[in-house]
Protein backbone atom coordinates (compact mmCIF):
# COMPACT_ATOMS: atom_id res chain seq x y z
CA ALA A 1 -75.00 -10.43 -34.54
CA PHE A 2 -76.43 -9.82 -37.98
CA SER A 3 -79.29 -7.71 -36.60
CA TRP A 4 -76.71 -5.61 -34.78
CA ALA A 5 -74.62 -5.25 -37.99
CA ALA A 6 -77.68 -4.11 -39.85
CA LYS A 7 -78.14 -1.20 -37.64
CA GLN A 8 -74.53 -0.50 -36.87
CA GLN A 9 -73.48 -0.40 -40.52
CA ASN A 10 -76.59 1.49 -41.70
CA ALA A 11 -77.53 -1.38 -43.99
CA LEU A 12 -81.04 -1.83 -45.65
CA GLY A 13 -81.26 -5.03 -43.60
CA ALA A 14 -80.05 -8.46 -43.09
CA LEU A 15 -80.83 -11.94 -44.19
CA VAL A 16 -80.42 -15.08 -41.84
CA ILE A 17 -80.77 -18.43 -43.25
CA THR A 18 -81.83 -20.58 -40.29
CA ALA A 19 -84.23 -23.23 -38.99
CA SER A 20 -84.13 -21.31 -35.72
CA HIS A 21 -85.16 -23.66 -32.87
CA ASN A 22 -86.72 -26.20 -35.25
CA PRO A 23 -85.23 -29.51 -36.95
CA GLY A 24 -83.21 -28.76 -40.00
CA LYS A 25 -85.95 -29.56 -42.44
CA TYR A 26 -87.63 -26.34 -41.40
CA LEU A 27 -84.73 -24.30 -42.89
CA GLY A 28 -86.07 -20.89 -43.87
CA LEU A 29 -85.21 -17.21 -44.04
CA LYS A 30 -85.38 -14.49 -41.44
CA VAL A 31 -85.46 -11.03 -42.64
CA LYS A 32 -84.01 -8.11 -40.49
CA SER A 33 -84.86 -4.58 -40.88
CA ALA A 34 -82.51 -1.52 -40.73
CA PHE A 35 -83.27 -0.78 -37.14
CA GLY A 36 -81.91 -3.94 -36.11
CA GLY A 37 -85.07 -6.12 -35.41
CA SER A 38 -87.23 -8.45 -37.43
CA ALA A 39 -88.98 -7.01 -40.61
CA PRO A 40 -92.67 -6.14 -39.90
CA PRO A 41 -95.46 -8.37 -41.28
CA GLU A 42 -96.22 -5.78 -44.01
CA VAL A 43 -92.87 -6.32 -45.33
CA THR A 44 -92.68 -10.05 -45.23
CA LYS A 45 -96.12 -10.24 -46.85
CA GLN A 46 -94.68 -8.23 -49.84
CA ILE A 47 -91.82 -10.50 -50.04
CA GLU A 48 -94.07 -13.72 -49.96
CA ALA A 49 -96.12 -12.03 -52.83
CA LEU A 50 -92.94 -11.69 -54.93
CA LEU A 51 -91.94 -15.26 -54.50
CA LEU A 52 -94.82 -16.21 -56.93
CA GLN A 53 -93.49 -13.80 -59.63
CA ALA A 54 -90.65 -14.43 -62.20
CA LEU A 55 -88.13 -11.74 -61.43
CA PRO A 56 -85.71 -10.56 -64.15
CA PRO A 57 -81.98 -10.43 -63.27
CA ALA A 58 -80.68 -7.08 -61.93
CA SER A 59 -79.63 -4.59 -64.64
CA THR A 60 -76.53 -3.92 -62.51
CA PRO A 61 -74.81 -6.97 -61.19
CA GLY A 62 -74.46 -6.69 -57.32
CA LYS A 63 -71.11 -7.29 -55.34
CA ILE A 64 -70.65 -9.60 -52.47
CA GLU A 65 -67.97 -8.63 -49.83
CA LYS A 66 -67.47 -10.96 -46.74
CA PHE A 67 -67.08 -9.35 -43.15
CA ASN A 68 -66.77 -10.80 -39.72
CA PRO A 69 -69.89 -9.77 -37.60
CA TRP A 70 -68.38 -11.00 -34.35
CA GLY A 71 -65.89 -8.00 -33.50
CA SER A 72 -68.44 -5.15 -33.47
CA TYR A 73 -71.10 -7.32 -31.89
CA CYS A 74 -68.88 -8.56 -28.96
CA GLU A 75 -67.76 -5.10 -28.34
CA ALA A 76 -71.30 -4.03 -27.98
CA LEU A 77 -72.29 -6.74 -25.63
CA GLU A 78 -69.02 -6.20 -23.40
CA GLY A 79 -70.07 -2.54 -22.91
CA LYS A 80 -73.51 -3.51 -21.54
CA VAL A 81 -72.37 -5.79 -18.53
CA LYS A 82 -69.76 -5.75 -15.83
CA ILE A 83 -67.67 -8.07 -17.92
CA GLU A 84 -64.50 -7.98 -15.78
CA LYS A 85 -66.42 -9.15 -12.71
CA ILE A 86 -67.73 -12.17 -14.52
CA ARG A 87 -64.28 -12.90 -16.02
CA ASP A 88 -62.71 -12.58 -12.49
CA ALA A 89 -65.17 -14.82 -10.93
CA ILE A 90 -64.53 -17.44 -13.56
CA ALA A 91 -60.63 -17.15 -13.27
CA ALA A 92 -60.82 -17.43 -9.45
CA GLY A 93 -63.07 -20.57 -9.60
CA LYS A 94 -65.91 -18.87 -8.03
CA LEU A 95 -68.15 -19.70 -10.98
CA THR A 96 -68.02 -22.50 -13.53
CA VAL A 97 -69.85 -21.86 -16.84
CA PHE A 98 -71.18 -24.69 -19.06
CA ALA A 99 -72.77 -23.96 -22.52
CA ASP A 100 -74.74 -26.08 -24.72
CA VAL A 101 -74.86 -24.44 -28.01
CA MET A 102 -76.80 -27.15 -29.72
CA HIS A 103 -74.53 -27.33 -32.87
CA GLY A 104 -75.84 -23.67 -33.69
CA ALA A 105 -74.52 -20.24 -34.17
CA ALA A 106 -73.71 -19.35 -30.57
CA ALA A 107 -70.59 -21.76 -30.84
CA GLY A 108 -67.56 -19.89 -29.56
CA GLY A 109 -69.54 -16.72 -28.43
CA LEU A 110 -69.12 -16.92 -24.76
CA ALA A 111 -65.48 -17.95 -25.11
CA MET A 112 -64.89 -14.88 -27.17
CA LEU A 113 -66.60 -12.69 -24.56
CA LEU A 114 -65.33 -14.33 -21.35
CA GLY A 115 -62.13 -16.25 -22.25
CA ASN A 116 -61.47 -20.01 -22.89
CA GLU A 117 -62.59 -21.15 -19.39
CA ILE A 118 -66.10 -21.79 -20.79
CA LYS A 119 -66.91 -25.58 -20.99
CA GLU A 120 -68.92 -25.66 -24.17
CA ILE A 121 -70.72 -28.89 -25.58
CA ASN A 122 -72.29 -29.75 -28.95
CA SER A 123 -70.18 -26.89 -30.48
CA ASN A 124 -69.49 -28.82 -33.72
CA ARG A 125 -71.27 -27.44 -36.69
CA ASP A 126 -74.16 -29.80 -37.67
CA PRO A 127 -77.00 -28.73 -40.14
CA LEU A 128 -79.08 -31.64 -38.75
CA PHE A 129 -78.46 -30.66 -35.03
CA GLY A 130 -77.68 -34.20 -34.03
CA GLY A 131 -80.83 -35.53 -35.52
CA GLY A 132 -83.12 -33.45 -33.07
CA ALA A 133 -84.21 -29.93 -32.72
CA PRO A 134 -81.78 -27.14 -31.49
CA GLU A 135 -84.45 -26.01 -29.03
CA PRO A 136 -83.61 -25.38 -25.22
CA LEU A 137 -85.87 -27.87 -23.77
CA PRO A 138 -84.89 -30.67 -21.22
CA LYS A 139 -85.67 -33.49 -23.67
CA TYR A 140 -82.80 -32.37 -25.83
CA LEU A 141 -80.21 -31.75 -23.10
CA SER A 142 -79.38 -35.03 -21.66
CA HIS A 143 -75.66 -34.49 -22.39
CA LEU A 144 -75.55 -31.09 -20.60
CA PHE A 145 -77.32 -32.67 -17.56
CA GLU A 146 -74.86 -35.48 -17.40
CA VAL A 147 -71.88 -33.13 -17.61
CA MET A 148 -73.24 -30.92 -14.80
CA GLN A 149 -74.01 -33.83 -12.65
CA ASN A 150 -70.63 -35.08 -13.05
CA HIS A 151 -69.16 -31.59 -12.16
CA GLN A 152 -71.49 -31.50 -8.95
CA LYS A 153 -70.01 -34.79 -7.72
CA THR A 154 -66.33 -33.39 -7.93
CA ASN A 155 -67.02 -29.79 -7.29
CA GLN A 156 -64.79 -28.38 -4.49
CA GLY A 157 -66.85 -25.20 -4.09
CA GLY A 158 -67.98 -22.35 -6.17
CA LEU A 159 -71.15 -21.84 -8.15
CA ALA A 160 -71.97 -23.64 -11.40
CA VAL A 161 -74.45 -22.84 -14.23
CA GLY A 162 -75.16 -24.35 -17.58
CA LEU A 163 -76.48 -21.96 -20.42
CA VAL A 164 -78.37 -23.34 -23.38
CA PHE A 165 -78.83 -21.64 -26.74
CA ASP A 166 -81.00 -22.54 -29.68
CA GLY A 167 -79.86 -22.93 -33.28
CA ASP A 168 -79.65 -19.32 -34.11
CA SER A 169 -79.00 -18.09 -30.55
CA ASP A 170 -82.05 -16.00 -30.04
CA ARG A 171 -83.40 -18.33 -27.23
CA ILE A 172 -82.01 -19.16 -23.95
CA ALA A 173 -82.59 -21.52 -20.97
CA ALA A 174 -80.33 -22.57 -18.11
CA VAL A 175 -79.50 -25.38 -15.75
CA ASP A 176 -78.77 -24.59 -12.13
CA GLY A 177 -75.99 -26.04 -9.95
CA ASP A 178 -78.33 -28.89 -8.86
CA SER A 179 -78.95 -29.70 -12.56
CA ASN A 180 -82.56 -28.46 -12.46
CA PHE A 181 -83.84 -27.00 -15.90
CA LEU A 182 -84.63 -23.26 -15.76
CA SER A 183 -86.88 -21.87 -18.60
CA SER A 184 -87.19 -18.30 -19.44
CA GLN A 185 -90.32 -18.41 -17.09
CA ILE A 186 -87.76 -18.52 -14.45
CA LEU A 187 -84.86 -16.45 -16.01
CA ILE A 188 -87.19 -13.43 -16.77
CA PRO A 189 -88.06 -12.71 -13.19
CA ILE A 190 -84.48 -13.21 -12.11
CA LEU A 191 -83.29 -10.73 -14.82
CA ILE A 192 -85.97 -8.27 -13.93
CA ASP A 193 -84.87 -8.33 -10.38
CA HIS A 194 -81.32 -8.21 -10.87
CA LEU A 195 -81.36 -5.34 -13.54
CA THR A 196 -83.65 -3.26 -11.44
CA LEU A 197 -81.90 -3.73 -8.15
CA ARG A 198 -78.35 -3.79 -9.14
CA ARG A 199 -78.14 -1.90 -12.59
CA ASP A 200 -81.13 0.53 -11.73
CA PHE A 201 -82.56 -0.22 -15.15
CA LYS A 202 -86.01 1.65 -15.65
CA GLY A 203 -88.98 0.95 -18.11
CA GLU A 204 -91.88 -1.20 -18.95
CA ILE A 205 -91.93 -5.05 -18.67
CA VAL A 206 -93.32 -6.64 -21.84
CA LYS A 207 -94.56 -10.18 -21.63
CA THR A 208 -96.52 -12.50 -23.93
CA VAL A 209 -99.68 -13.95 -22.83
CA SER A 210 -98.18 -17.29 -22.02
CA GLY A 211 -95.68 -15.62 -19.54
CA SER A 212 -95.69 -16.60 -15.91
CA ASP A 213 -97.87 -14.99 -13.38
CA LEU A 214 -94.75 -14.32 -11.29
CA ILE A 215 -93.62 -11.65 -13.88
CA PRO A 216 -96.35 -9.10 -13.08
CA ARG A 217 -96.13 -9.86 -9.40
CA LEU A 218 -92.45 -9.13 -9.31
CA ALA A 219 -92.93 -6.02 -11.52
CA ALA A 220 -95.48 -4.84 -8.94
CA VAL A 221 -92.75 -5.07 -6.23
CA HIS A 222 -90.35 -2.92 -8.22
CA ASN A 223 -93.21 -0.44 -9.28
CA LEU A 224 -92.85 -1.43 -12.98
CA SER A 225 -95.78 -1.37 -15.48
CA VAL A 226 -96.39 -4.51 -17.55
CA PHE A 227 -97.63 -4.62 -21.15
CA GLU A 228 -98.94 -7.87 -22.39
CA THR A 229 -98.78 -9.15 -26.00
CA PRO A 230 -99.77 -12.11 -28.23
CA VAL A 231 -97.24 -14.86 -28.49
CA GLY A 232 -94.33 -13.82 -30.80
CA TYR A 233 -91.50 -11.63 -30.46
CA LYS A 234 -92.57 -9.37 -33.15
CA TYR A 235 -95.13 -7.93 -30.83
CA ILE A 236 -92.55 -7.33 -28.16
CA ALA A 237 -90.22 -5.64 -30.70
CA ASP A 238 -93.10 -3.33 -31.95
CA ARG A 239 -93.66 -2.17 -28.33
CA MET A 240 -90.04 -1.59 -27.91
CA LEU A 241 -90.02 0.70 -30.77
CA GLU A 242 -92.85 2.89 -29.25
CA ALA A 243 -92.15 2.82 -25.45
CA GLN A 244 -89.40 2.67 -22.93
CA VAL A 245 -88.85 -0.94 -22.33
CA LEU A 246 -86.63 -2.50 -19.71
CA LEU A 247 -87.15 -6.02 -20.82
CA GLY A 248 -89.26 -7.94 -23.13
CA GLY A 249 -89.47 -11.73 -22.85
CA GLU A 250 -91.41 -14.69 -24.12
CA GLU A 251 -92.18 -18.13 -22.78
CA SER A 252 -90.21 -19.93 -25.37
CA GLY A 253 -86.92 -18.30 -24.39
CA GLY A 254 -86.56 -14.99 -26.41
CA ILE A 255 -85.58 -12.10 -24.30
CA GLY A 256 -84.55 -8.63 -25.48
CA TYR A 257 -83.75 -5.22 -23.67
CA GLY A 258 -84.73 -1.72 -24.29
CA SER A 259 -80.98 -0.64 -24.02
CA HIS A 260 -80.10 -2.94 -27.00
CA ILE A 261 -81.62 -3.51 -30.44
CA PRO A 262 -85.23 -4.61 -30.49
CA GLU A 263 -84.34 -8.27 -31.08
CA ARG A 264 -84.06 -11.41 -28.97
CA ASP A 265 -80.35 -11.92 -27.92
CA ALA A 266 -79.51 -14.94 -26.10
CA LEU A 267 -75.80 -14.15 -25.71
CA LEU A 268 -76.51 -10.86 -24.05
CA SER A 269 -79.09 -12.63 -21.81
CA ALA A 270 -76.47 -15.21 -20.93
CA LEU A 271 -74.14 -12.29 -19.84
CA TYR A 272 -76.88 -10.71 -17.66
CA VAL A 273 -77.68 -14.13 -16.08
CA LEU A 274 -73.91 -14.53 -15.25
CA GLU A 275 -73.67 -11.00 -13.82
CA ALA A 276 -76.78 -11.70 -11.64
CA ILE A 277 -75.06 -14.92 -10.20
CA VAL A 278 -71.77 -13.06 -9.64
CA GLU A 279 -73.36 -10.03 -8.00
CA SER A 280 -75.92 -11.84 -5.93
CA GLY A 281 -73.64 -14.71 -4.98
CA LEU A 282 -76.53 -17.12 -5.46
CA ASP A 283 -77.14 -20.29 -7.43
CA LEU A 284 -79.89 -19.62 -9.99
CA GLY A 285 -82.28 -21.95 -8.34
CA ASP A 286 -81.80 -20.36 -4.88
CA TYR A 287 -82.30 -16.99 -6.53
CA TYR A 288 -85.67 -18.09 -8.02
CA ARG A 289 -86.92 -19.50 -4.73
CA GLN A 290 -85.96 -16.22 -2.89
CA LEU A 291 -88.15 -14.31 -5.42
CA GLN A 292 -91.02 -16.68 -4.85
CA GLU A 293 -90.74 -16.04 -1.17
CA GLN A 294 -90.64 -12.35 -1.69
CA THR A 295 -93.80 -12.41 -3.84
CA ASP A 296 -95.52 -14.98 -1.88
CA PHE A 297 -96.26 -16.73 -4.96
CA THR A 298 -95.12 -20.36 -5.86
CA SER A 299 -95.82 -22.12 -9.24
CA THR A 300 -94.62 -24.59 -11.55
CA TYR A 301 -94.86 -24.58 -15.35
CA ASP A 302 -94.86 -26.93 -18.33
CA ARG A 303 -95.89 -27.06 -21.86
CA ILE A 304 -96.90 -29.95 -24.35
CA ASP A 305 -96.35 -29.57 -28.10
CA LEU A 306 -98.88 -31.99 -29.48
CA PRO A 307 -98.50 -32.92 -33.22
CA LEU A 308 -101.90 -32.73 -35.28
CA ALA A 309 -102.78 -35.46 -37.68
CA SER A 310 -104.08 -32.98 -40.24
CA MET A 311 -105.25 -29.39 -40.86
CA GLU A 312 -108.78 -30.79 -40.75
CA VAL A 313 -108.12 -31.84 -37.09
CA ARG A 314 -106.90 -28.40 -36.44
CA SER A 315 -110.12 -26.92 -37.85
CA ARG A 316 -112.40 -29.17 -35.82
CA LEU A 317 -110.62 -28.24 -32.61
CA LEU A 318 -110.73 -24.45 -33.39
CA GLN A 319 -114.33 -24.70 -34.24
CA GLN A 320 -115.05 -26.51 -30.96
CA LEU A 321 -113.29 -23.92 -28.86
CA GLN A 322 -115.36 -21.06 -30.78
CA THR A 323 -118.91 -22.77 -30.51
CA GLN A 324 -118.39 -24.79 -27.29
CA PRO A 325 -116.54 -22.74 -24.80
CA LEU A 326 -115.03 -24.81 -21.93
CA THR A 327 -116.49 -24.30 -18.55
CA GLU A 328 -114.68 -26.69 -16.58
CA ILE A 329 -111.09 -28.06 -16.97
CA ALA A 330 -109.73 -31.08 -15.12
CA GLY A 331 -112.55 -30.74 -12.60
CA LYS A 332 -111.99 -27.05 -11.93
CA PRO A 333 -114.38 -24.29 -12.92
CA VAL A 334 -113.19 -21.74 -15.76
CA ILE A 335 -113.45 -18.26 -14.32
CA ASP A 336 -112.07 -16.34 -17.17
CA CYS A 337 -110.90 -16.91 -20.80
CA GLN A 338 -108.44 -14.63 -22.63
CA THR A 339 -108.32 -14.78 -26.33
CA ILE A 340 -105.60 -12.20 -27.57
CA ASP A 341 -103.70 -15.31 -28.86
CA GLY A 342 -105.28 -18.73 -28.58
CA TYR A 343 -107.51 -19.58 -25.60
CA LYS A 344 -106.05 -18.94 -22.08
CA PHE A 345 -108.39 -20.26 -19.45
CA ARG A 346 -107.92 -18.97 -15.83
CA LEU A 347 -109.24 -21.67 -13.34
CA ALA A 348 -110.59 -21.43 -9.82
CA ASP A 349 -107.45 -22.48 -8.08
CA ASN A 350 -105.59 -19.55 -9.71
CA SER A 351 -103.78 -22.05 -12.25
CA TRP A 352 -104.26 -21.44 -16.00
CA LEU A 353 -104.35 -23.47 -19.27
CA MET A 354 -103.53 -22.06 -22.59
CA ILE A 355 -104.52 -23.76 -25.91
CA ARG A 356 -102.83 -22.29 -28.93
CA PHE A 357 -102.16 -23.45 -32.40
CA SER A 358 -98.51 -22.92 -33.56
CA GLY A 359 -98.12 -20.34 -36.39
CA THR A 360 -95.10 -22.26 -38.08
CA GLU A 361 -95.78 -26.07 -37.50
CA PRO A 362 -98.80 -28.47 -37.58
CA VAL A 363 -98.76 -28.49 -33.78
CA LEU A 364 -101.16 -27.77 -30.91
CA ARG A 365 -99.41 -26.01 -27.92
CA LEU A 366 -100.69 -26.64 -24.58
CA TYR A 367 -99.31 -24.29 -21.68
CA CYS A 368 -100.04 -24.74 -18.00
CA GLU A 369 -99.00 -22.88 -14.74
CA ALA A 370 -100.32 -24.19 -11.44
CA PRO A 371 -99.25 -24.19 -7.75
CA THR A 372 -97.84 -27.77 -8.02
CA LEU A 373 -96.22 -29.94 -10.63
CA GLN A 374 -98.77 -32.63 -10.10
CA GLN A 375 -101.56 -30.08 -10.89
CA VAL A 376 -99.70 -28.96 -13.91
CA HIS A 377 -99.46 -32.52 -15.26
CA GLN A 378 -102.99 -33.29 -14.41
CA THR A 379 -104.21 -30.30 -16.34
CA LEU A 380 -101.98 -30.92 -19.33
CA ALA A 381 -103.12 -34.71 -19.47
CA TRP A 382 -106.77 -33.48 -19.45
CA ALA A 383 -106.08 -31.00 -22.29
CA LYS A 384 -104.21 -33.68 -24.36
CA GLU A 385 -107.11 -35.97 -23.84
CA TRP A 386 -109.60 -33.34 -24.81
CA ALA A 387 -107.52 -32.62 -28.05
CA GLU A 388 -107.07 -36.18 -29.08
């Protein structure tokens, strides 16, 4: 909403104080540019340099005026989707929508856009996010799973979906009618298919190196080109500023659209997901299985975030990756290694493991996609043992 306001009001930019998807102790500052996206690294580096200087007070005192960003923002989003179709499906009982806003900024957003039939949980403001992290991952969603399972037992028909937003509402995940967690690795292919088939959207698909292999396969089905970037939405946004992009998405839940500002927007993604359900008549889980059959590609995915004891451990692991390249992982030969961000090892069975150090936390991230969940868990267990 603030990124949109910066552009819509011709402002110099916007400041958002947030811990994003992290626990409250990581509270920090996001800087938004006049074009409605994140400030580029050359700007944030100048800001960081100024933090070390004693700055004199302004010669002319500034003036602060309050405004409500929701009105203009909601109006913009409503114009991008078939909003009445979604509202009608909810009103007719054909679709039940749950939303876990994780005590964050998305609270009340879907209700404003769609009406009060939204069943919202964790909507009270809590700067400590219930003692956890406001990140759309299964381990933080026990309440949503419970609510949806109870609904499933009493449901008299109609589709159901749970939508999950992170603390500042730039990341999204979902839960299908059978209470299965759906990360953006699943939502991005669904959105590509829906926006191409039913909305006739055109443009390039931008994915980060940690994105699912299903994304380029589905892009090929729709004759769309794919551009791959390092992990981090800023790289996707940069591409949006220089090319015609249909959709840009990252594994961690951030998705943006070339028809909007170059910014992750979970509320707009939620509306497109609801539109896809209403227009296809499919539960999200069924929709995803249909895409797997269409592309003849079935995979599962998971990620482990491994806390590191110290920066010294980080340095040792990094040095080992640089000087002793892995040739075998979990008993499978390594056939390729991609290093545009971290180390992505493609294995002989067409699975892959990615080892990457977080840019914001003392954490090692381990990503894996493989044909079966058992293979994913075996590979991640191997990688965890290697790291430890």
